[in-house]
Amino acid sequence: MLEGTLYQVVSREPSAAVVRLLPESPVYAAHFPGYPITPGVTIVQMALELMGRTLVGAKDIRFVVPVLPSAEGTLLRFAWTFPEPTRADVNVFLSGDTLCSKMSLSVDNE
């Protein structure tokens, strides 16, 4: 679980959440030291944790812009839908409406 070590939840709704990245996370010390970038796999894991689902498979994942941690803690907004009970479509936005990631995931059915 990455909550509390890589991010903290700022707000949560049934189909969306806002999180603050924790720049002091050990993930950033190991991933491109001096110019840390949030690993894509951790963005996928955050989405799964926020939705309360387990990954079964990935159909399509796109990382559009790099997500860099800031001293203040970068904010990310996750928004998801379930077009099918075992499929989650997730969009992740940086502050404002800058799309940074888009994914279609096969997930468990709760």
N, C-alpha and C. Protein backbone atom coordinates (compact mmCIF):
# COMPACT_ATOMS: atom_id res chain seq x y z
N MET A 1 0.84 -1.18 0.00
CA MET A 1 0.00 0.00 0.00
C MET A 1 0.89 1.24 0.00
N LEU A 2 0.59 2.17 -0.90
CA LEU A 2 1.39 3.38 -1.04
C LEU A 2 0.84 4.57 -0.28
N GLU A 3 -0.43 4.48 0.15
CA GLU A 3 -1.01 5.59 0.90
C GLU A 3 -0.25 5.77 2.21
N GLY A 4 0.16 6.99 2.46
CA GLY A 4 0.91 7.29 3.67
C GLY A 4 2.41 7.27 3.46
N THR A 5 2.88 6.58 2.41
CA THR A 5 4.31 6.57 2.13
C THR A 5 4.65 7.32 0.84
N LEU A 6 3.80 7.25 -0.17
CA LEU A 6 4.02 7.97 -1.42
C LEU A 6 3.00 9.10 -1.60
N TYR A 7 1.82 8.94 -1.03
CA TYR A 7 0.78 9.96 -1.18
C TYR A 7 -0.14 9.96 0.03
N GLN A 8 -0.89 11.07 0.15
CA GLN A 8 -1.95 11.14 1.14
C GLN A 8 -3.20 11.66 0.44
N VAL A 9 -4.34 11.15 0.85
CA VAL A 9 -5.61 11.54 0.24
C VAL A 9 -6.03 12.90 0.80
N VAL A 10 -6.33 13.82 -0.11
CA VAL A 10 -6.80 15.15 0.25
C VAL A 10 -8.32 15.16 0.27
N SER A 11 -8.93 14.54 -0.75
CA SER A 11 -10.39 14.43 -0.79
C SER A 11 -10.76 13.17 -1.56
N ARG A 12 -11.93 12.64 -1.23
CA ARG A 12 -12.38 11.40 -1.88
C ARG A 12 -13.88 11.48 -2.12
N GLU A 13 -14.29 11.07 -3.32
CA GLU A 13 -15.69 10.98 -3.70
C GLU A 13 -15.90 9.58 -4.26
N PRO A 14 -17.13 9.19 -4.57
CA PRO A 14 -17.36 7.83 -5.09
C PRO A 14 -16.61 7.51 -6.39
N SER A 15 -16.39 8.50 -7.25
CA SER A 15 -15.71 8.20 -8.52
C SER A 15 -14.54 9.14 -8.79
N ALA A 16 -13.99 9.72 -7.73
CA ALA A 16 -12.85 10.63 -7.90
C ALA A 16 -12.13 10.80 -6.56
N ALA A 17 -10.87 11.23 -6.66
CA ALA A 17 -10.10 11.53 -5.45
C ALA A 17 -8.97 12.48 -5.82
N VAL A 18 -8.56 13.28 -4.85
CA VAL A 18 -7.39 14.14 -5.00
C VAL A 18 -6.36 13.68 -3.98
N VAL A 19 -5.12 13.53 -4.44
CA VAL A 19 -4.05 13.10 -3.55
C VAL A 19 -2.89 14.10 -3.63
N ARG A 20 -2.13 14.15 -2.56
CA ARG A 20 -0.91 14.95 -2.51
C ARG A 20 0.27 13.98 -2.47
N LEU A 21 1.18 14.14 -3.41
CA LEU A 21 2.39 13.32 -3.40
C LEU A 21 3.29 13.76 -2.26
N LEU A 22 3.98 12.82 -1.66
CA LEU A 22 4.88 13.10 -0.55
C LEU A 22 6.32 13.08 -1.08
N PRO A 23 6.91 14.26 -1.29
CA PRO A 23 8.23 14.31 -1.93
C PRO A 23 9.34 13.65 -1.11
N GLU A 24 9.11 13.43 0.17
CA GLU A 24 10.13 12.78 1.00
C GLU A 24 10.07 11.25 0.91
N SER A 25 9.16 10.72 0.09
CA SER A 25 9.01 9.27 -0.06
C SER A 25 10.31 8.63 -0.52
N PRO A 26 10.64 7.46 0.01
CA PRO A 26 11.84 6.74 -0.44
C PRO A 26 11.79 6.38 -1.92
N VAL A 27 10.60 6.32 -2.50
CA VAL A 27 10.48 6.03 -3.94
C VAL A 27 11.26 7.06 -4.74
N TYR A 28 11.17 8.33 -4.34
CA TYR A 28 11.85 9.39 -5.08
C TYR A 28 13.35 9.37 -4.88
N ALA A 29 13.82 8.86 -3.75
CA ALA A 29 15.26 8.76 -3.52
C ALA A 29 15.89 7.73 -4.46
N ALA A 30 15.10 6.76 -4.88
CA ALA A 30 15.62 5.68 -5.71
C ALA A 30 15.31 5.86 -7.20
N HIS A 31 14.31 6.66 -7.53
CA HIS A 31 13.86 6.79 -8.92
C HIS A 31 14.34 8.12 -9.49
N PHE A 32 15.42 8.09 -10.25
CA PHE A 32 16.05 9.28 -10.83
C PHE A 32 16.45 10.29 -9.76
N PRO A 33 17.38 9.93 -8.85
CA PRO A 33 17.83 10.86 -7.81
C PRO A 33 18.30 12.18 -8.44
N GLY A 34 17.93 13.28 -7.81
CA GLY A 34 18.28 14.60 -8.32
C GLY A 34 17.25 15.15 -9.28
N TYR A 35 16.50 14.30 -9.95
CA TYR A 35 15.42 14.70 -10.85
C TYR A 35 14.33 13.65 -10.74
N PRO A 36 13.68 13.57 -9.58
CA PRO A 36 12.73 12.48 -9.34
C PRO A 36 11.47 12.59 -10.20
N ILE A 37 11.03 11.47 -10.69
CA ILE A 37 9.80 11.34 -11.46
C ILE A 37 8.97 10.25 -10.80
N THR A 38 7.66 10.46 -10.72
CA THR A 38 6.78 9.45 -10.15
C THR A 38 6.69 8.28 -11.11
N PRO A 39 7.09 7.08 -10.69
CA PRO A 39 7.03 5.92 -11.59
C PRO A 39 5.59 5.62 -12.02
N GLY A 40 5.43 5.28 -13.29
CA GLY A 40 4.11 4.97 -13.81
C GLY A 40 3.41 3.87 -13.04
N VAL A 41 4.15 2.86 -12.65
CA VAL A 41 3.54 1.74 -11.93
C VAL A 41 2.93 2.20 -10.61
N THR A 42 3.50 3.23 -9.99
CA THR A 42 2.93 3.72 -8.74
C THR A 42 1.65 4.51 -8.99
N ILE A 43 1.54 5.17 -10.16
CA ILE A 43 0.30 5.87 -10.50
C ILE A 43 -0.83 4.85 -10.69
N VAL A 44 -0.51 3.74 -11.33
CA VAL A 44 -1.50 2.67 -11.51
C VAL A 44 -1.91 2.13 -10.14
N GLN A 45 -0.94 1.88 -9.26
CA GLN A 45 -1.24 1.35 -7.93
C GLN A 45 -2.07 2.32 -7.11
N MET A 46 -1.78 3.62 -7.22
CA MET A 46 -2.59 4.61 -6.50
C MET A 46 -4.04 4.54 -6.97
N ALA A 47 -4.24 4.45 -8.28
CA ALA A 47 -5.61 4.36 -8.82
C ALA A 47 -6.33 3.15 -8.25
N LEU A 48 -5.66 2.02 -8.22
CA LEU A 48 -6.28 0.79 -7.70
C LEU A 48 -6.64 0.94 -6.23
N GLU A 49 -5.73 1.52 -5.44
CA GLU A 49 -6.00 1.72 -4.02
C GLU A 49 -7.18 2.66 -3.82
N LEU A 50 -7.23 3.74 -4.58
CA LEU A 50 -8.32 4.71 -4.44
C LEU A 50 -9.66 4.13 -4.82
N MET A 51 -9.67 3.24 -5.83
CA MET A 51 -10.92 2.59 -6.25
C MET A 51 -11.28 1.40 -5.38
N GLY A 52 -10.31 0.91 -4.60
CA GLY A 52 -10.56 -0.28 -3.78
C GLY A 52 -10.65 -1.53 -4.62
N ARG A 53 -9.87 -1.60 -5.68
CA ARG A 53 -9.90 -2.74 -6.60
C ARG A 53 -8.52 -3.37 -6.71
N THR A 54 -8.49 -4.58 -7.27
CA THR A 54 -7.25 -5.31 -7.52
C THR A 54 -7.08 -5.45 -9.02
N LEU A 55 -5.86 -5.29 -9.48
CA LEU A 55 -5.56 -5.39 -10.90
C LEU A 55 -5.62 -6.83 -11.38
N VAL A 56 -6.33 -7.04 -12.48
CA VAL A 56 -6.37 -8.33 -13.16
C VAL A 56 -5.53 -8.26 -14.42
N GLY A 57 -5.58 -7.11 -15.10
CA GLY A 57 -4.80 -6.90 -16.31
C GLY A 57 -4.92 -5.46 -16.78
N ALA A 58 -4.05 -5.09 -17.67
CA ALA A 58 -4.08 -3.73 -18.22
C ALA A 58 -4.39 -3.81 -19.70
N LYS A 59 -5.35 -3.03 -20.15
CA LYS A 59 -5.71 -3.01 -21.56
C LYS A 59 -4.97 -1.89 -22.28
N ASP A 60 -4.90 -0.74 -21.65
CA ASP A 60 -4.28 0.42 -22.29
C ASP A 60 -3.87 1.41 -21.22
N ILE A 61 -2.60 1.73 -21.16
CA ILE A 61 -2.10 2.71 -20.19
C ILE A 61 -1.23 3.70 -20.95
N ARG A 62 -1.52 4.97 -20.75
CA ARG A 62 -0.72 6.02 -21.39
C ARG A 62 -0.29 7.03 -20.33
N PHE A 63 0.99 7.32 -20.31
CA PHE A 63 1.53 8.35 -19.44
C PHE A 63 1.87 9.53 -20.35
N VAL A 64 1.08 10.60 -20.25
CA VAL A 64 1.14 11.71 -21.19
C VAL A 64 2.23 12.71 -20.84
N VAL A 65 2.31 13.08 -19.57
CA VAL A 65 3.36 14.00 -19.10
C VAL A 65 3.96 13.43 -17.82
N PRO A 66 5.24 13.70 -17.57
CA PRO A 66 5.86 13.20 -16.34
C PRO A 66 5.26 13.89 -15.11
N VAL A 67 5.18 13.14 -14.03
CA VAL A 67 4.67 13.67 -12.77
C VAL A 67 5.86 13.84 -11.83
N LEU A 68 6.19 15.09 -11.56
CA LEU A 68 7.33 15.42 -10.71
C LEU A 68 6.83 15.82 -9.33
N PRO A 69 7.48 15.34 -8.28
CA PRO A 69 7.07 15.77 -6.93
C PRO A 69 7.59 17.18 -6.68
N SER A 70 6.83 17.99 -5.97
CA SER A 70 7.28 19.33 -5.61
C SER A 70 7.44 19.41 -4.09
N ALA A 71 8.15 20.41 -3.64
CA ALA A 71 8.37 20.57 -2.20
C ALA A 71 7.04 20.72 -1.46
N GLU A 72 6.04 21.35 -2.11
CA GLU A 72 4.73 21.54 -1.47
C GLU A 72 3.88 20.28 -1.54
N GLY A 73 4.28 19.34 -2.37
CA GLY A 73 3.49 18.13 -2.58
C GLY A 73 2.57 18.32 -3.77
N THR A 74 2.92 17.73 -4.87
CA THR A 74 2.14 17.82 -6.10
C THR A 74 0.75 17.22 -5.88
N LEU A 75 -0.27 17.89 -6.39
CA LEU A 75 -1.63 17.37 -6.30
C LEU A 75 -1.98 16.63 -7.59
N LEU A 76 -2.59 15.46 -7.43
CA LEU A 76 -3.10 14.68 -8.56
C LEU A 76 -4.58 14.43 -8.33
N ARG A 77 -5.36 14.57 -9.40
CA ARG A 77 -6.79 14.26 -9.32
C ARG A 77 -7.07 13.03 -10.17
N PHE A 78 -7.61 12.01 -9.53
CA PHE A 78 -7.98 10.76 -10.19
C PHE A 78 -9.50 10.77 -10.41
N ALA A 79 -9.93 10.40 -11.61
CA ALA A 79 -11.36 10.28 -11.91
C ALA A 79 -11.56 8.96 -12.64
N TRP A 80 -12.55 8.17 -12.21
CA TRP A 80 -12.73 6.86 -12.82
C TRP A 80 -14.20 6.54 -13.06
N THR A 81 -14.39 5.64 -14.02
CA THR A 81 -15.71 5.09 -14.31
C THR A 81 -15.55 3.59 -14.48
N PHE A 82 -16.66 2.89 -14.35
CA PHE A 82 -16.68 1.44 -14.57
C PHE A 82 -17.65 1.15 -15.71
N PRO A 83 -17.18 1.22 -16.98
CA PRO A 83 -18.06 0.94 -18.11
C PRO A 83 -18.57 -0.50 -18.11
N GLU A 84 -17.82 -1.36 -17.46
CA GLU A 84 -18.20 -2.76 -17.25
C GLU A 84 -17.81 -3.09 -15.81
N PRO A 85 -18.43 -4.06 -15.18
CA PRO A 85 -18.09 -4.36 -13.78
C PRO A 85 -16.62 -4.71 -13.55
N THR A 86 -15.96 -5.24 -14.57
CA THR A 86 -14.56 -5.64 -14.39
C THR A 86 -13.60 -4.77 -15.21
N ARG A 87 -14.05 -3.58 -15.60
CA ARG A 87 -13.16 -2.66 -16.31
C ARG A 87 -13.29 -1.27 -15.70
N ALA A 88 -12.14 -0.67 -15.43
CA ALA A 88 -12.09 0.70 -14.91
C ALA A 88 -11.34 1.57 -15.90
N ASP A 89 -11.96 2.68 -16.28
CA ASP A 89 -11.30 3.69 -17.09
C ASP A 89 -10.93 4.83 -16.15
N VAL A 90 -9.64 5.17 -16.12
CA VAL A 90 -9.13 6.15 -15.16
C VAL A 90 -8.38 7.26 -15.89
N ASN A 91 -8.67 8.49 -15.52
CA ASN A 91 -7.91 9.65 -15.98
C ASN A 91 -7.27 10.28 -14.76
N VAL A 92 -6.01 10.68 -14.92
CA VAL A 92 -5.27 11.32 -13.83
C VAL A 92 -4.82 12.69 -14.32
N PHE A 93 -5.09 13.71 -13.51
CA PHE A 93 -4.80 15.08 -13.88
C PHE A 93 -3.85 15.71 -12.87
N LEU A 94 -2.92 16.52 -13.38
CA LEU A 94 -2.11 17.38 -12.53
C LEU A 94 -2.98 18.56 -12.13
N SER A 95 -2.48 19.38 -11.23
CA SER A 95 -3.20 20.58 -10.81
C SER A 95 -3.87 21.24 -12.02
N GLY A 96 -5.11 21.58 -11.86
CA GLY A 96 -5.86 22.09 -13.00
C GLY A 96 -6.39 20.92 -13.80
N ASP A 97 -6.35 21.03 -15.09
CA ASP A 97 -6.90 19.98 -15.95
C ASP A 97 -5.87 19.39 -16.90
N THR A 98 -4.61 19.37 -16.52
CA THR A 98 -3.57 18.79 -17.36
C THR A 98 -3.60 17.27 -17.22
N LEU A 99 -4.00 16.58 -18.28
CA LEU A 99 -4.03 15.12 -18.25
C LEU A 99 -2.61 14.59 -18.20
N CYS A 100 -2.32 13.76 -17.20
CA CYS A 100 -0.98 13.18 -17.12
C CYS A 100 -1.00 11.68 -17.35
N SER A 101 -2.15 11.04 -17.18
CA SER A 101 -2.22 9.60 -17.40
C SER A 101 -3.66 9.20 -17.72
N LYS A 102 -3.76 8.18 -18.56
CA LYS A 102 -5.07 7.65 -18.96
C LYS A 102 -4.91 6.14 -19.00
N MET A 103 -5.83 5.42 -18.39
CA MET A 103 -5.67 3.97 -18.36
C MET A 103 -7.01 3.25 -18.40
N SER A 104 -6.99 2.08 -18.99
CA SER A 104 -8.13 1.18 -18.99
C SER A 104 -7.62 -0.11 -18.36
N LEU A 105 -8.17 -0.44 -17.21
CA LEU A 105 -7.67 -1.57 -16.41
C LEU A 105 -8.73 -2.64 -16.25
N SER A 106 -8.30 -3.88 -16.33
CA SER A 106 -9.16 -5.00 -15.94
C SER A 106 -8.98 -5.15 -14.44
N VAL A 107 -10.10 -5.14 -13.72
CA VAL A 107 -10.05 -5.19 -12.26
C VAL A 107 -10.98 -6.26 -11.74
N ASP A 108 -10.81 -6.59 -10.47
CA ASP A 108 -11.73 -7.53 -9.83
C ASP A 108 -13.09 -6.88 -9.71
N ASN A 109 -14.10 -7.66 -9.49
CA ASN A 109 -15.46 -7.16 -9.37
C ASN A 109 -15.80 -6.99 -7.91
N GLU A 110 -15.01 -6.21 -7.21
CA GLU A 110 -15.11 -5.91 -5.77
C GLU A 110 -15.02 -7.16 -5.03
